Amino acid sequence: MTFSTGTAPDNVAEADQLSDKFIACLKAQADALGSGFPNLSPMEAHAMALILVDTLVKLHESGLEESLKSSDAQQATSWTRDLAILELVVSLLRNIQPLDLDAAGDEDVQINS
């Protein structure tokens, strides 16, 4: 995980604490999306996830560029590692076709009738 402050954590406990904060932030965002969009379809959720991860890719590219300008090899390595993972996630999201649960339910009813 790369940090927006531009510095790596000093120890494992600090890294764990930052990870816990990040997970809590993700859960809060998921709850906010759930309450803000109660009828969110799988396709809409898929599109939102793709946009979010694509934004993270752009932020990581910017962080990598800054670390290269400042000749910080350790940070450049971290940004590159995270960027590679995010690019894999984007690739997976682009190739996954989410199911429309409403349409799938309708087909089951028609088949069983």
Protein backbone atom coordinates (compact mmCIF):
# COMPACT_ATOMS: atom_id res chain seq x y z
CA MET A 1 0.00 0.00 0.00
CA THR A 2 1.36 3.42 -0.91
CA PHE A 3 0.74 6.43 1.29
CA SER A 4 -0.44 9.85 0.18
CA THR A 5 1.99 11.53 2.56
CA GLY A 6 4.85 10.35 0.38
CA THR A 7 6.54 8.50 3.25
CA ALA A 8 6.45 4.85 4.14
CA PRO A 9 5.37 3.78 7.64
CA ASP A 10 8.16 3.42 10.18
CA ASN A 11 7.03 0.04 11.46
CA VAL A 12 4.56 -2.78 11.03
CA ALA A 13 2.21 -1.43 13.71
CA GLU A 14 1.94 1.90 11.89
CA ALA A 15 1.32 0.13 8.58
CA ASP A 16 -1.40 -2.00 10.21
CA GLN A 17 -3.00 1.11 11.69
CA LEU A 18 -3.03 2.83 8.29
CA SER A 19 -4.50 -0.30 6.69
CA ASP A 20 -7.25 -0.40 9.33
CA LYS A 21 -8.06 3.26 8.66
CA PHE A 22 -8.20 2.60 4.93
CA ILE A 23 -10.53 -0.38 5.42
CA ALA A 24 -12.76 1.70 7.70
CA CYS A 25 -12.88 4.39 5.02
CA LEU A 26 -13.86 1.82 2.38
CA LYS A 27 -16.62 0.46 4.63
CA ALA A 28 -17.94 3.98 5.26
CA GLN A 29 -18.00 4.63 1.51
CA ALA A 30 -19.79 1.33 0.87
CA ASP A 31 -22.41 2.22 3.50
CA ALA A 32 -22.85 5.69 2.01
CA LEU A 33 -23.28 4.23 -1.48
CA GLY A 34 -25.77 1.70 -0.18
CA SER A 35 -27.91 4.33 1.50
CA GLY A 36 -27.49 6.88 -1.29
CA PHE A 37 -28.27 4.40 -4.06
CA PRO A 38 -30.60 1.76 -2.59
CA ASN A 39 -31.58 0.44 -6.04
CA LEU A 40 -28.06 0.30 -7.47
CA SER A 41 -27.91 -2.36 -10.16
CA PRO A 42 -24.90 -4.67 -10.53
CA MET A 43 -24.02 -2.92 -13.80
CA GLU A 44 -24.04 0.50 -12.10
CA ALA A 45 -21.94 -0.81 -9.20
CA HIS A 46 -19.52 -2.34 -11.71
CA ALA A 47 -19.18 0.99 -13.54
CA MET A 48 -18.62 2.88 -10.28
CA ALA A 49 -15.92 0.39 -9.22
CA LEU A 50 -14.19 0.74 -12.57
CA ILE A 51 -14.20 4.53 -12.31
CA LEU A 52 -12.85 4.40 -8.74
CA VAL A 53 -10.02 2.01 -9.59
CA ASP A 54 -9.17 3.97 -12.74
CA THR A 55 -8.89 7.10 -10.59
CA LEU A 56 -6.56 5.25 -8.22
CA VAL A 57 -4.42 4.24 -11.23
CA LYS A 58 -4.12 7.89 -12.26
CA LEU A 59 -3.17 8.91 -8.70
CA HIS A 60 -0.54 6.19 -8.56
CA GLU A 61 0.86 7.25 -11.93
CA SER A 62 1.18 10.78 -10.56
CA GLY A 63 2.87 9.50 -7.39
CA LEU A 64 5.27 7.41 -9.46
CA GLU A 65 6.13 10.42 -11.62
CA GLU A 66 6.84 12.55 -8.53
CA SER A 67 9.01 9.88 -6.93
CA LEU A 68 10.99 9.51 -10.15
CA LYS A 69 11.50 13.29 -10.32
CA SER A 70 12.80 13.29 -6.74
CA SER A 71 14.98 10.21 -7.43
CA ASP A 72 13.36 8.26 -4.58
CA ALA A 73 13.89 4.67 -5.67
CA GLN A 74 12.09 3.13 -2.68
CA GLN A 75 8.94 5.18 -3.26
CA ALA A 76 9.11 4.60 -7.02
CA THR A 77 9.25 0.85 -6.39
CA SER A 78 6.24 1.04 -4.07
CA TRP A 79 4.20 3.14 -6.49
CA THR A 80 5.11 0.77 -9.35
CA ARG A 81 4.14 -2.33 -7.37
CA ASP A 82 0.79 -0.85 -6.38
CA LEU A 83 0.20 0.46 -9.90
CA ALA A 84 0.73 -3.01 -11.34
CA ILE A 85 -1.86 -4.45 -8.95
CA LEU A 86 -4.36 -1.71 -9.76
CA GLU A 87 -3.87 -2.24 -13.49
CA LEU A 88 -4.65 -5.93 -12.99
CA VAL A 89 -7.83 -4.97 -11.13
CA VAL A 90 -8.85 -2.63 -13.97
CA SER A 91 -8.22 -5.42 -16.47
CA LEU A 92 -10.36 -7.83 -14.46
CA LEU A 93 -13.16 -5.31 -14.05
CA ARG A 94 -13.18 -4.59 -17.78
CA ASN A 95 -13.44 -8.30 -18.59
CA ILE A 96 -16.08 -9.25 -16.02
CA GLN A 97 -19.67 -9.00 -17.16
CA PRO A 98 -21.75 -8.51 -14.02
CA LEU A 99 -25.04 -10.36 -13.86
CA ASP A 100 -28.25 -8.41 -13.87
CA LEU A 101 -29.94 -10.17 -10.97
CA ASP A 102 -33.37 -8.83 -11.89
CA ALA A 103 -33.13 -10.20 -15.44
CA ALA A 104 -31.72 -13.52 -14.22
CA GLY A 105 -34.62 -13.87 -11.77
CA ASP A 106 -37.14 -13.21 -14.53
CA GLU A 107 -35.59 -15.89 -16.74
CA ASP A 108 -35.72 -18.44 -13.91
CA VAL A 109 -39.39 -17.75 -13.39
CA GLN A 110 -40.13 -18.15 -17.10
CA ILE A 111 -38.15 -21.40 -17.34
CA ASN A 112 -39.80 -22.92 -14.27
CA SER A 113 -43.33 -21.91 -15.27
